[in-house]
Amino acid sequence: MRVAIFDFDGTLYQNETFDFMMSHLKHHPEYGRLYGKFFRRILPVYTGYKMKLVPSPVMREKSMQAYLAPFSGFAEEQLNRFFGEMAAAMRSGFNPEVVRRVRDHAESGDRVMLVSGAFTPLLLEAVRDLPFDDVIGTDIPYSGNTYDGRTNIYHIRSERKNERILAALGDTQVAWEESSAFGDTLSDMTVLELVGNPVAVRPEEGLRNIAAEREWEIIR
């Protein structure tokens, strides 16, 4: 069996997911009041990152945790509705060529996977009309049906993406050399190197240089 693995941020979705998330919260008619609490949580982390005291992966994970913090005590249904509204507004930002590749791989009988550090309910709603067999994202830890804010998230990134991909595939025999993966940054390298057909999508400079050197396909 072949697989086709797609990143979300910057690949399927052409823009920066976290930037959109911040804007959505800030201007939300009901939850915009929570933006200040989120901003106060993220400011020390971002300052440390800019001063090169906090590594990028740590900054990203702590930023995701900070985003959820104001929602402590919210029911799962409320958060699903919030992320559902966000997802609906993001679909217009999908890369048409990547959408075409998703459909082509599904029609070819490949197992099509979306793997991203974005929150799982956001991903599930955003791609509900696309033929993904697996959607792997950062889960929101609930206590019962409520987000309590005390449990740390497990942000899906780099090697963690590979862990979740392999766990989802289980004992399935995969033809890795015939499989494909799509990504846009160096953080996608661990996934791109799993397959025989890696594709760089509007890549940042670091990935673009590697893709050119290794003669990978580049979608510009």
N, C-alpha and C. Protein backbone atom coordinates (compact mmCIF):
# COMPACT_ATOMS: atom_id res chain seq x y z
N MET A 1 0.84 -1.20 0.00
CA MET A 1 0.00 0.00 0.00
C MET A 1 0.88 1.25 0.00
N ARG A 2 0.46 2.23 -0.80
CA ARG A 2 1.13 3.53 -0.79
C ARG A 2 0.40 4.48 0.15
N VAL A 3 1.16 5.43 0.69
CA VAL A 3 0.56 6.50 1.47
C VAL A 3 0.92 7.83 0.84
N ALA A 4 0.07 8.83 1.10
CA ALA A 4 0.34 10.20 0.69
C ALA A 4 0.10 11.07 1.92
N ILE A 5 1.15 11.72 2.40
CA ILE A 5 1.11 12.44 3.67
C ILE A 5 1.20 13.94 3.40
N PHE A 6 0.26 14.69 3.94
CA PHE A 6 0.19 16.13 3.69
C PHE A 6 0.33 16.90 5.00
N ASP A 7 1.16 17.94 4.96
CA ASP A 7 1.21 18.93 6.04
C ASP A 7 0.04 19.91 5.82
N PHE A 8 -0.30 20.64 6.85
CA PHE A 8 -1.41 21.61 6.75
C PHE A 8 -0.90 23.04 6.62
N ASP A 9 -0.24 23.53 7.65
CA ASP A 9 0.19 24.93 7.71
C ASP A 9 1.23 25.22 6.64
N GLY A 10 0.91 26.12 5.70
CA GLY A 10 1.84 26.49 4.64
C GLY A 10 1.86 25.51 3.49
N THR A 11 1.14 24.41 3.60
CA THR A 11 1.12 23.40 2.54
C THR A 11 -0.29 23.29 1.96
N LEU A 12 -1.19 22.61 2.66
CA LEU A 12 -2.57 22.62 2.21
C LEU A 12 -3.19 24.00 2.43
N TYR A 13 -3.00 24.54 3.63
CA TYR A 13 -3.45 25.90 3.92
C TYR A 13 -2.28 26.83 3.62
N GLN A 14 -2.49 27.81 2.76
CA GLN A 14 -1.39 28.59 2.21
C GLN A 14 -0.82 29.63 3.19
N ASN A 15 -1.54 29.93 4.25
CA ASN A 15 -1.12 30.99 5.15
C ASN A 15 -0.64 30.42 6.49
N GLU A 16 -0.35 31.31 7.43
CA GLU A 16 0.11 30.89 8.75
C GLU A 16 -1.09 30.61 9.65
N THR A 17 -1.25 29.36 10.06
CA THR A 17 -2.41 28.96 10.85
C THR A 17 -2.48 29.72 12.18
N PHE A 18 -1.34 29.84 12.87
CA PHE A 18 -1.39 30.47 14.19
C PHE A 18 -1.73 31.95 14.08
N ASP A 19 -1.25 32.62 13.05
CA ASP A 19 -1.62 34.02 12.84
C ASP A 19 -3.13 34.15 12.67
N PHE A 20 -3.71 33.24 11.91
CA PHE A 20 -5.15 33.26 11.69
C PHE A 20 -5.89 32.98 13.00
N MET A 21 -5.38 32.04 13.77
CA MET A 21 -6.00 31.72 15.06
C MET A 21 -6.02 32.93 15.99
N MET A 22 -4.90 33.66 16.03
CA MET A 22 -4.84 34.84 16.88
C MET A 22 -5.85 35.90 16.43
N SER A 23 -5.92 36.12 15.13
CA SER A 23 -6.85 37.11 14.61
C SER A 23 -8.29 36.70 14.88
N HIS A 24 -8.57 35.42 14.71
CA HIS A 24 -9.93 34.91 14.92
C HIS A 24 -10.36 35.13 16.37
N LEU A 25 -9.46 34.85 17.31
CA LEU A 25 -9.78 35.05 18.72
C LEU A 25 -9.94 36.53 19.04
N LYS A 26 -9.03 37.33 18.55
CA LYS A 26 -9.04 38.76 18.86
C LYS A 26 -10.33 39.43 18.42
N HIS A 27 -10.85 39.03 17.27
CA HIS A 27 -12.02 39.69 16.70
C HIS A 27 -13.31 38.90 16.88
N HIS A 28 -13.26 37.83 17.66
CA HIS A 28 -14.45 37.01 17.85
C HIS A 28 -15.49 37.78 18.66
N PRO A 29 -16.75 37.79 18.22
CA PRO A 29 -17.77 38.59 18.92
C PRO A 29 -18.06 38.11 20.34
N GLU A 30 -17.84 36.84 20.61
CA GLU A 30 -18.14 36.30 21.93
C GLU A 30 -16.89 36.10 22.78
N TYR A 31 -15.81 35.63 22.16
CA TYR A 31 -14.62 35.26 22.92
C TYR A 31 -13.46 36.24 22.77
N GLY A 32 -13.67 37.32 22.06
CA GLY A 32 -12.61 38.30 21.88
C GLY A 32 -12.07 38.83 23.21
N ARG A 33 -12.92 38.80 24.24
CA ARG A 33 -12.52 39.26 25.58
C ARG A 33 -11.39 38.41 26.16
N LEU A 34 -11.19 37.21 25.60
CA LEU A 34 -10.16 36.31 26.12
C LEU A 34 -8.78 36.60 25.52
N TYR A 35 -8.74 37.44 24.51
CA TYR A 35 -7.48 37.68 23.79
C TYR A 35 -6.41 38.25 24.72
N GLY A 36 -6.78 39.17 25.59
CA GLY A 36 -5.81 39.78 26.49
C GLY A 36 -5.14 38.75 27.38
N LYS A 37 -5.91 37.80 27.89
CA LYS A 37 -5.35 36.75 28.74
C LYS A 37 -4.37 35.90 27.95
N PHE A 38 -4.74 35.56 26.72
CA PHE A 38 -3.85 34.80 25.86
C PHE A 38 -2.56 35.59 25.59
N PHE A 39 -2.69 36.87 25.26
CA PHE A 39 -1.53 37.69 24.91
C PHE A 39 -0.55 37.79 26.08
N ARG A 40 -1.09 37.93 27.28
CA ARG A 40 -0.21 38.01 28.46
C ARG A 40 0.54 36.70 28.68
N ARG A 41 -0.08 35.58 28.33
CA ARG A 41 0.57 34.28 28.49
C ARG A 41 1.67 34.07 27.45
N ILE A 42 1.43 34.56 26.25
CA ILE A 42 2.37 34.26 25.16
C ILE A 42 3.54 35.24 25.11
N LEU A 43 3.37 36.43 25.65
CA LEU A 43 4.39 37.47 25.51
C LEU A 43 5.75 37.06 26.06
N PRO A 44 5.86 36.49 27.27
CA PRO A 44 7.20 36.09 27.76
C PRO A 44 7.85 35.03 26.88
N VAL A 45 7.04 34.09 26.37
CA VAL A 45 7.56 33.03 25.52
C VAL A 45 8.10 33.61 24.21
N TYR A 46 7.31 34.49 23.62
CA TYR A 46 7.72 35.07 22.34
C TYR A 46 8.95 35.96 22.52
N THR A 47 9.00 36.69 23.63
CA THR A 47 10.16 37.54 23.91
C THR A 47 11.43 36.69 24.06
N GLY A 48 11.30 35.58 24.77
CA GLY A 48 12.43 34.67 24.93
C GLY A 48 12.88 34.08 23.61
N TYR A 49 11.92 33.81 22.75
CA TYR A 49 12.25 33.28 21.42
C TYR A 49 13.02 34.31 20.59
N LYS A 50 12.55 35.55 20.59
CA LYS A 50 13.21 36.60 19.82
C LYS A 50 14.61 36.88 20.36
N MET A 51 14.81 36.65 21.66
CA MET A 51 16.13 36.85 22.27
C MET A 51 17.01 35.61 22.13
N LYS A 52 16.49 34.60 21.41
CA LYS A 52 17.20 33.34 21.18
C LYS A 52 17.45 32.55 22.46
N LEU A 53 16.56 32.74 23.43
CA LEU A 53 16.65 32.00 24.69
C LEU A 53 15.71 30.79 24.68
N VAL A 54 14.70 30.84 23.84
CA VAL A 54 13.71 29.77 23.74
C VAL A 54 13.76 29.19 22.32
N PRO A 55 14.05 27.89 22.16
CA PRO A 55 14.09 27.29 20.83
C PRO A 55 12.73 27.34 20.15
N SER A 56 12.74 27.37 18.83
CA SER A 56 11.50 27.47 18.06
C SER A 56 10.49 26.37 18.41
N PRO A 57 10.89 25.09 18.50
CA PRO A 57 9.89 24.06 18.83
C PRO A 57 9.22 24.28 20.18
N VAL A 58 10.01 24.72 21.17
CA VAL A 58 9.46 25.00 22.50
C VAL A 58 8.51 26.18 22.44
N MET A 59 8.91 27.21 21.69
CA MET A 59 8.06 28.39 21.54
C MET A 59 6.71 28.02 20.93
N ARG A 60 6.75 27.18 19.91
CA ARG A 60 5.51 26.79 19.23
C ARG A 60 4.59 26.00 20.16
N GLU A 61 5.17 25.08 20.92
CA GLU A 61 4.35 24.28 21.83
C GLU A 61 3.76 25.14 22.94
N LYS A 62 4.57 26.02 23.50
CA LYS A 62 4.08 26.89 24.57
C LYS A 62 3.06 27.89 24.05
N SER A 63 3.20 28.30 22.79
CA SER A 63 2.23 29.21 22.19
C SER A 63 0.87 28.53 22.04
N MET A 64 0.90 27.27 21.64
CA MET A 64 -0.35 26.51 21.52
C MET A 64 -1.01 26.34 22.89
N GLN A 65 -0.18 26.07 23.90
CA GLN A 65 -0.71 25.93 25.26
C GLN A 65 -1.30 27.25 25.73
N ALA A 66 -0.62 28.35 25.43
CA ALA A 66 -1.10 29.68 25.83
C ALA A 66 -2.41 30.01 25.15
N TYR A 67 -2.58 29.55 23.92
CA TYR A 67 -3.81 29.84 23.18
C TYR A 67 -5.02 29.19 23.87
N LEU A 68 -4.81 27.98 24.38
CA LEU A 68 -5.91 27.27 25.02
C LEU A 68 -6.20 27.77 26.43
N ALA A 69 -5.20 28.36 27.09
CA ALA A 69 -5.32 28.72 28.51
C ALA A 69 -6.59 29.51 28.84
N PRO A 70 -6.99 30.51 28.06
CA PRO A 70 -8.19 31.27 28.41
C PRO A 70 -9.48 30.45 28.34
N PHE A 71 -9.41 29.28 27.70
CA PHE A 71 -10.61 28.45 27.53
C PHE A 71 -10.77 27.42 28.65
N SER A 72 -9.97 27.55 29.70
CA SER A 72 -10.11 26.63 30.83
C SER A 72 -11.53 26.71 31.37
N GLY A 73 -12.14 25.53 31.54
CA GLY A 73 -13.52 25.46 32.02
C GLY A 73 -14.55 25.39 30.91
N PHE A 74 -14.11 25.52 29.66
CA PHE A 74 -15.04 25.46 28.53
C PHE A 74 -15.35 24.00 28.21
N ALA A 75 -16.57 23.77 27.78
CA ALA A 75 -17.00 22.44 27.37
C ALA A 75 -16.41 22.09 26.00
N GLU A 76 -16.21 20.81 25.76
CA GLU A 76 -15.69 20.34 24.47
C GLU A 76 -16.58 20.83 23.33
N GLU A 77 -17.88 20.83 23.53
CA GLU A 77 -18.81 21.28 22.48
C GLU A 77 -18.56 22.75 22.12
N GLN A 78 -18.26 23.58 23.13
CA GLN A 78 -17.99 25.00 22.87
C GLN A 78 -16.71 25.17 22.05
N LEU A 79 -15.67 24.45 22.42
CA LEU A 79 -14.42 24.57 21.70
C LEU A 79 -14.54 24.02 20.29
N ASN A 80 -15.27 22.93 20.11
CA ASN A 80 -15.48 22.40 18.77
C ASN A 80 -16.21 23.41 17.89
N ARG A 81 -17.18 24.10 18.47
CA ARG A 81 -17.91 25.11 17.70
C ARG A 81 -16.99 26.28 17.33
N PHE A 82 -16.16 26.70 18.28
CA PHE A 82 -15.22 27.80 18.04
C PHE A 82 -14.24 27.44 16.92
N PHE A 83 -13.65 26.25 16.99
CA PHE A 83 -12.71 25.84 15.95
C PHE A 83 -13.42 25.55 14.63
N GLY A 84 -14.66 25.13 14.71
CA GLY A 84 -15.43 24.91 13.49
C GLY A 84 -15.67 26.20 12.73
N GLU A 85 -15.96 27.27 13.43
CA GLU A 85 -16.13 28.58 12.79
C GLU A 85 -14.83 29.02 12.12
N MET A 86 -13.73 28.79 12.81
CA MET A 86 -12.43 29.15 12.28
C MET A 86 -12.11 28.35 11.02
N ALA A 87 -12.38 27.06 11.07
CA ALA A 87 -12.08 26.18 9.94
C ALA A 87 -12.84 26.59 8.69
N ALA A 88 -14.10 26.95 8.87
CA ALA A 88 -14.92 27.35 7.72
C ALA A 88 -14.33 28.56 7.02
N ALA A 89 -13.74 29.47 7.80
CA ALA A 89 -13.15 30.68 7.23
C ALA A 89 -11.80 30.41 6.59
N MET A 90 -11.18 29.28 6.91
CA MET A 90 -9.85 28.97 6.39
C MET A 90 -9.87 28.25 5.05
N ARG A 91 -10.98 27.63 4.72
CA ARG A 91 -11.00 26.78 3.52
C ARG A 91 -10.71 27.56 2.24
N SER A 92 -11.07 28.83 2.23
CA SER A 92 -10.80 29.64 1.04
C SER A 92 -9.31 29.87 0.84
N GLY A 93 -8.51 29.58 1.87
CA GLY A 93 -7.07 29.74 1.77
C GLY A 93 -6.33 28.48 1.39
N PHE A 94 -7.05 27.44 1.00
CA PHE A 94 -6.40 26.19 0.60
C PHE A 94 -5.69 26.38 -0.75
N ASN A 95 -4.55 25.72 -0.89
CA ASN A 95 -3.79 25.74 -2.13
C ASN A 95 -4.48 24.83 -3.15
N PRO A 96 -4.97 25.37 -4.26
CA PRO A 96 -5.73 24.55 -5.22
C PRO A 96 -4.94 23.37 -5.77
N GLU A 97 -3.65 23.57 -5.99
CA GLU A 97 -2.83 22.47 -6.52
C GLU A 97 -2.68 21.36 -5.50
N VAL A 98 -2.54 21.72 -4.24
CA VAL A 98 -2.42 20.69 -3.20
C VAL A 98 -3.75 19.96 -3.03
N VAL A 99 -4.85 20.70 -3.09
CA VAL A 99 -6.17 20.06 -3.02
C VAL A 99 -6.30 19.04 -4.16
N ARG A 100 -5.85 19.42 -5.34
CA ARG A 100 -5.92 18.50 -6.49
C ARG A 100 -5.08 17.25 -6.21
N ARG A 101 -3.91 17.43 -5.63
CA ARG A 101 -3.04 16.28 -5.32
C ARG A 101 -3.71 15.36 -4.29
N VAL A 102 -4.36 15.94 -3.29
CA VAL A 102 -5.08 15.13 -2.30
C VAL A 102 -6.09 14.24 -3.00
N ARG A 103 -6.89 14.85 -3.86
CA ARG A 103 -7.93 14.08 -4.55
C ARG A 103 -7.32 13.04 -5.50
N ASP A 104 -6.25 13.40 -6.18
CA ASP A 104 -5.60 12.46 -7.11
C ASP A 104 -5.07 11.24 -6.37
N HIS A 105 -4.43 11.46 -5.23
CA HIS A 105 -3.89 10.33 -4.47
C HIS A 105 -5.01 9.44 -3.93
N ALA A 106 -6.11 10.08 -3.50
CA ALA A 106 -7.24 9.29 -3.02
C ALA A 106 -7.82 8.44 -4.15
N GLU A 107 -7.96 9.02 -5.32
CA GLU A 107 -8.51 8.29 -6.46
C GLU A 107 -7.58 7.17 -6.91
N SER A 108 -6.29 7.32 -6.65
CA SER A 108 -5.32 6.28 -7.01
C SER A 108 -5.28 5.14 -6.01
N GLY A 109 -6.06 5.27 -4.93
CA GLY A 109 -6.11 4.22 -3.93
C GLY A 109 -5.08 4.34 -2.83
N ASP A 110 -4.37 5.47 -2.78
CA ASP A 110 -3.40 5.68 -1.70
C ASP A 110 -4.13 5.97 -0.39
N ARG A 111 -3.48 5.65 0.70
CA ARG A 111 -4.00 6.06 2.00
C ARG A 111 -3.55 7.49 2.24
N VAL A 112 -4.49 8.41 2.33
CA VAL A 112 -4.17 9.83 2.37
C VAL A 112 -4.25 10.33 3.81
N MET A 113 -3.15 10.93 4.27
CA MET A 113 -3.03 11.32 5.67
C MET A 113 -2.73 12.82 5.77
N LEU A 114 -3.37 13.48 6.71
CA LEU A 114 -3.06 14.86 7.05
C LEU A 114 -2.38 14.84 8.42
N VAL A 115 -1.19 15.41 8.50
CA VAL A 115 -0.43 15.38 9.75
C VAL A 115 0.06 16.79 10.04
N SER A 116 -0.35 17.33 11.19
CA SER A 116 -0.08 18.74 11.47
C SER A 116 0.00 18.98 12.97
N GLY A 117 0.66 20.08 13.34
CA GLY A 117 0.69 20.49 14.72
C GLY A 117 -0.54 21.28 15.13
N ALA A 118 -1.41 21.61 14.18
CA ALA A 118 -2.63 22.36 14.49
C ALA A 118 -3.57 21.50 15.34
N PHE A 119 -4.50 22.16 16.02
CA PHE A 119 -5.44 21.44 16.88
C PHE A 119 -6.33 20.51 16.06
N THR A 120 -6.51 19.31 16.57
CA THR A 120 -7.26 18.28 15.84
C THR A 120 -8.68 18.71 15.46
N PRO A 121 -9.47 19.31 16.34
CA PRO A 121 -10.83 19.69 15.93
C PRO A 121 -10.84 20.72 14.80
N LEU A 122 -9.83 21.58 14.75
CA LEU A 122 -9.72 22.53 13.65
C LEU A 122 -9.45 21.80 12.34
N LEU A 123 -8.53 20.86 12.37
CA LEU A 123 -8.18 20.10 11.17
C LEU A 123 -9.37 19.28 10.66
N LEU A 124 -10.03 18.58 11.58
CA LEU A 124 -11.14 17.71 11.18
C LEU A 124 -12.23 18.50 10.46
N GLU A 125 -12.54 19.67 10.98
CA GLU A 125 -13.58 20.47 10.37
C GLU A 125 -13.09 21.11 9.07
N ALA A 126 -11.84 21.55 9.04
CA ALA A 126 -11.31 22.23 7.85
C ALA A 126 -11.30 21.32 6.63
N VAL A 127 -11.01 20.03 6.83
CA VAL A 127 -10.85 19.13 5.67
C VAL A 127 -12.00 18.14 5.56
N ARG A 128 -13.13 18.46 6.13
CA ARG A 128 -14.23 17.50 6.15
C ARG A 128 -14.71 17.12 4.75
N ASP A 129 -14.47 17.97 3.76
CA ASP A 129 -14.92 17.70 2.40
C ASP A 129 -13.81 17.12 1.52
N LEU A 130 -12.67 16.83 2.11
CA LEU A 130 -11.55 16.26 1.35
C LEU A 130 -11.36 14.80 1.77
N PRO A 131 -10.87 13.96 0.85
CA PRO A 131 -10.82 12.50 1.10
C PRO A 131 -9.60 12.05 1.91
N PHE A 132 -9.47 12.56 3.14
CA PHE A 132 -8.40 12.09 4.01
C PHE A 132 -8.85 10.84 4.77
N ASP A 133 -7.97 9.86 4.82
CA ASP A 133 -8.24 8.65 5.59
C ASP A 133 -7.86 8.83 7.06
N ASP A 134 -6.85 9.66 7.30
CA ASP A 134 -6.37 9.89 8.66
C ASP A 134 -6.12 11.39 8.84
N VAL A 135 -6.55 11.92 9.97
CA VAL A 135 -6.26 13.31 10.33
C VAL A 135 -5.57 13.28 11.70
N ILE A 136 -4.30 13.64 11.71
CA ILE A 136 -3.48 13.59 12.91
C ILE A 136 -3.09 15.02 13.28
N GLY A 137 -3.47 15.46 14.47
CA GLY A 137 -3.13 16.80 14.92
C GLY A 137 -2.83 16.80 16.40
N THR A 138 -2.75 18.00 16.96
CA THR A 138 -2.52 18.16 18.39
C THR A 138 -3.86 18.08 19.12
N ASP A 139 -4.02 17.05 19.93
CA ASP A 139 -5.28 16.85 20.64
C ASP A 139 -5.41 17.84 21.80
N ILE A 140 -6.64 18.19 22.10
CA ILE A 140 -6.94 19.02 23.26
C ILE A 140 -7.25 18.10 24.43
N PRO A 141 -6.50 18.19 25.52
CA PRO A 141 -6.72 17.27 26.65
C PRO A 141 -7.93 17.70 27.49
N TYR A 142 -8.95 16.88 27.47
CA TYR A 142 -10.16 17.17 28.23
C TYR A 142 -10.21 16.34 29.50
N SER A 143 -10.84 16.90 30.51
CA SER A 143 -11.17 16.16 31.72
C SER A 143 -12.68 15.97 31.69
N GLY A 144 -13.10 14.74 31.38
CA GLY A 144 -14.52 14.53 31.08
C GLY A 144 -14.82 15.22 29.77
N ASN A 145 -15.76 16.14 29.78
CA ASN A 145 -16.09 16.89 28.57
C ASN A 145 -15.68 18.35 28.69
N THR A 146 -14.71 18.62 29.59
CA THR A 146 -14.32 20.01 29.86
C THR A 146 -12.80 20.16 29.74
N TYR A 147 -12.37 21.28 29.16
CA TYR A 147 -10.95 21.58 29.14
C TYR A 147 -10.59 22.26 30.45
N ASP A 148 -9.72 21.62 31.23
CA ASP A 148 -9.44 22.16 32.56
C ASP A 148 -8.19 23.02 32.61
N GLY A 149 -7.39 23.03 31.55
CA GLY A 149 -6.23 23.90 31.49
C GLY A 149 -5.03 23.42 32.26
N ARG A 150 -5.13 22.30 32.96
CA ARG A 150 -4.01 21.85 33.80
C ARG A 150 -3.09 20.86 33.09
N THR A 151 -3.62 20.17 32.11
CA THR A 151 -2.84 19.15 31.42
C THR A 151 -2.12 19.76 30.22
N ASN A 152 -0.82 19.51 30.11
CA ASN A 152 -0.06 20.02 28.99
C ASN A 152 -0.45 19.32 27.69
N ILE A 153 -0.43 20.06 26.61
CA ILE A 153 -0.68 19.45 25.31
C ILE A 153 0.56 18.69 24.86
N TYR A 154 0.37 17.79 23.91
CA TYR A 154 1.48 17.10 23.26
C TYR A 154 1.49 17.57 21.82
N HIS A 155 2.31 18.61 21.57
CA HIS A 155 2.29 19.26 20.27
C HIS A 155 2.92 18.36 19.20
N ILE A 156 2.20 18.12 18.13
CA ILE A 156 2.68 17.22 17.07
C ILE A 156 3.60 18.01 16.15
N ARG A 157 4.89 17.64 16.14
CA ARG A 157 5.88 18.33 15.32
C ARG A 157 7.04 17.38 15.04
N SER A 158 7.74 17.61 13.95
CA SER A 158 8.97 16.89 13.59
C SER A 158 8.85 15.39 13.84
N GLU A 159 9.73 14.85 14.71
CA GLU A 159 9.74 13.40 14.94
C GLU A 159 8.42 12.88 15.50
N ARG A 160 7.68 13.75 16.20
CA ARG A 160 6.39 13.32 16.74
C ARG A 160 5.40 13.02 15.62
N LYS A 161 5.55 13.73 14.50
CA LYS A 161 4.70 13.43 13.35
C LYS A 161 4.96 11.99 12.88
N ASN A 162 6.22 11.63 12.79
CA ASN A 162 6.56 10.27 12.37
C ASN A 162 6.00 9.24 13.34
N GLU A 163 6.10 9.53 14.63
CA GLU A 163 5.58 8.60 15.64
C GLU A 163 4.09 8.35 15.41
N ARG A 164 3.34 9.42 15.20
CA ARG A 164 1.89 9.28 15.03
C ARG A 164 1.54 8.63 13.69
N ILE A 165 2.30 8.92 12.66
CA ILE A 165 2.07 8.28 11.36
C ILE A 165 2.24 6.77 11.49
N LEU A 166 3.35 6.36 12.08
CA LEU A 166 3.64 4.93 12.20
C LEU A 166 2.64 4.25 13.12
N ALA A 167 2.20 4.95 14.17
CA ALA A 167 1.19 4.38 15.07
C ALA A 167 -0.14 4.20 14.34
N ALA A 168 -0.51 5.16 13.51
CA ALA A 168 -1.77 5.07 12.77
C ALA A 168 -1.73 3.93 11.75
N LEU A 169 -0.56 3.72 11.16
CA LEU A 169 -0.43 2.66 10.15
C LEU A 169 -0.35 1.27 10.77
N GLY A 170 0.12 1.21 12.01
CA GLY A 170 0.18 -0.09 12.69
C GLY A 170 1.02 -1.09 11.93
N ASP A 171 0.44 -2.28 11.69
CA ASP A 171 1.16 -3.36 11.01
C ASP A 171 1.00 -3.32 9.50
N THR A 172 0.39 -2.26 8.98
CA THR A 172 0.20 -2.15 7.53
C THR A 172 1.53 -2.14 6.80
N GLN A 173 1.63 -2.92 5.77
CA GLN A 173 2.84 -2.95 4.95
C GLN A 173 2.79 -1.78 3.95
N VAL A 174 3.71 -0.85 4.11
CA VAL A 174 3.70 0.36 3.30
C VAL A 174 4.84 0.32 2.28
N ALA A 175 4.51 0.66 1.04
CA ALA A 175 5.53 0.79 -0.01
C ALA A 175 6.09 2.21 0.07
N TRP A 176 7.04 2.40 0.99
CA TRP A 176 7.53 3.75 1.26
C TRP A 176 8.19 4.39 0.05
N GLU A 177 8.92 3.63 -0.74
CA GLU A 177 9.61 4.20 -1.90
C GLU A 177 8.62 4.69 -2.96
N GLU A 178 7.42 4.15 -2.95
CA GLU A 178 6.40 4.57 -3.92
C GLU A 178 5.44 5.59 -3.32
N SER A 179 5.63 5.94 -2.06
CA SER A 179 4.73 6.85 -1.36
C SER A 179 5.18 8.30 -1.51
N SER A 180 4.29 9.22 -1.12
CA SER A 180 4.55 10.65 -1.31
C SER A 180 4.30 11.42 -0.01
N ALA A 181 4.98 12.55 0.12
CA ALA A 181 4.75 13.45 1.25
C ALA A 181 4.93 14.88 0.78
N PHE A 182 4.15 15.78 1.39
CA PHE A 182 4.13 17.18 0.99
C PHE A 182 4.37 18.05 2.21
N GLY A 183 5.33 18.99 2.11
CA GLY A 183 5.61 19.89 3.22
C GLY A 183 6.24 21.17 2.72
N ASP A 184 6.40 22.14 3.64
CA ASP A 184 6.89 23.46 3.20
C ASP A 184 8.08 23.98 4.01
N THR A 185 8.42 23.34 5.13
CA THR A 185 9.51 23.85 5.96
C THR A 185 10.43 22.71 6.38
N LEU A 186 11.57 23.10 6.96
CA LEU A 186 12.53 22.11 7.44
C LEU A 186 11.94 21.22 8.54
N SER A 187 10.93 21.73 9.24
CA SER A 187 10.29 20.92 10.28
C SER A 187 9.54 19.73 9.70
N ASP A 188 9.33 19.73 8.38
CA ASP A 188 8.66 18.62 7.71
C ASP A 188 9.65 17.58 7.20
N MET A 189 10.94 17.81 7.40
CA MET A 189 11.95 16.93 6.81
C MET A 189 11.82 15.49 7.26
N THR A 190 11.52 15.26 8.52
CA THR A 190 11.45 13.87 9.01
C THR A 190 10.38 13.08 8.27
N VAL A 191 9.29 13.77 7.89
CA VAL A 191 8.23 13.11 7.14
C VAL A 191 8.61 12.98 5.67
N LEU A 192 9.16 14.04 5.10
CA LEU A 192 9.55 14.01 3.69
C LEU A 192 10.57 12.91 3.41
N GLU A 193 11.45 12.66 4.38
CA GLU A 193 12.48 11.64 4.19
C GLU A 193 11.97 10.22 4.40
N LEU A 194 10.73 10.08 4.82
CA LEU A 194 10.14 8.75 4.95
C LEU A 194 9.85 8.12 3.59
N VAL A 195 9.60 8.96 2.59
CA VAL A 195 9.01 8.48 1.34
C VAL A 195 9.97 8.62 0.16
N GLY A 196 9.60 7.95 -0.93
CA GLY A 196 10.40 8.04 -2.14
C GLY A 196 10.06 9.21 -3.01
N ASN A 197 8.90 9.86 -2.75
CA ASN A 197 8.46 10.98 -3.58
C ASN A 197 8.12 12.19 -2.71
N PRO A 198 9.14 12.84 -2.15
CA PRO A 198 8.88 14.04 -1.36
C PRO A 198 8.60 15.25 -2.26
N VAL A 199 7.68 16.09 -1.82
CA VAL A 199 7.30 17.28 -2.61
C VAL A 199 7.37 18.49 -1.70
N ALA A 200 8.14 19.49 -2.10
CA ALA A 200 8.24 20.74 -1.35
C ALA A 200 7.21 21.73 -1.91
N VAL A 201 6.36 22.25 -1.05
CA VAL A 201 5.27 23.12 -1.47
C VAL A 201 5.57 24.57 -1.06
N ARG A 202 5.75 25.44 -2.04
CA ARG A 202 6.09 26.83 -1.76
C ARG A 202 7.08 26.90 -0.59
N PRO A 203 8.19 26.20 -0.71
CA PRO A 203 9.05 25.97 0.46
C PRO A 203 9.80 27.22 0.92
N GLU A 204 10.06 27.25 2.22
CA GLU A 204 10.95 28.27 2.77
C GLU A 204 12.36 27.98 2.23
N GLU A 205 13.25 28.95 2.40
CA GLU A 205 14.57 28.87 1.75
C GLU A 205 15.33 27.60 2.11
N GLY A 206 15.35 27.23 3.39
CA GLY A 206 16.11 26.05 3.79
C GLY A 206 15.65 24.79 3.08
N LEU A 207 14.35 24.57 3.06
CA LEU A 207 13.81 23.39 2.39
C LEU A 207 13.96 23.51 0.88
N ARG A 208 13.78 24.70 0.35
CA ARG A 208 13.93 24.89 -1.09
C ARG A 208 15.33 24.50 -1.56
N ASN A 209 16.34 24.87 -0.79
CA ASN A 209 17.72 24.52 -1.16
C ASN A 209 17.95 23.02 -1.14
N ILE A 210 17.42 22.36 -0.11
CA ILE A 210 17.57 20.90 -0.01
C ILE A 210 16.82 20.21 -1.14
N ALA A 211 15.60 20.68 -1.41
CA ALA A 211 14.79 20.08 -2.48
C ALA A 211 15.48 20.21 -3.83
N ALA A 212 16.08 21.36 -4.08
CA ALA A 212 16.78 21.57 -5.35
C ALA A 212 18.01 20.67 -5.44
N GLU A 213 18.75 20.58 -4.34
CA GLU A 213 19.96 19.75 -4.32
C GLU A 213 19.63 18.28 -4.52
N ARG A 214 18.52 17.83 -3.94
CA ARG A 214 18.15 16.41 -4.03
C ARG A 214 17.22 16.12 -5.21
N GLU A 215 16.90 17.15 -5.96
CA GLU A 215 16.04 17.03 -7.15
C GLU A 215 14.64 16.53 -6.79
N TRP A 216 14.11 17.06 -5.68
CA TRP A 216 12.74 16.77 -5.32
C TRP A 216 11.81 17.67 -6.13
N GLU A 217 10.57 17.24 -6.26
CA GLU A 217 9.58 18.09 -6.93
C GLU A 217 9.29 19.30 -6.04
N ILE A 218 9.15 20.46 -6.67
CA ILE A 218 8.82 21.69 -5.96
C ILE A 218 7.56 22.29 -6.58
N ILE A 219 6.54 22.50 -5.75
CA ILE A 219 5.34 23.20 -6.18
C ILE A 219 5.51 24.65 -5.76
N ARG A 220 5.54 25.55 -6.73
CA ARG A 220 5.82 26.96 -6.43
C ARG A 220 4.53 27.75 -6.31
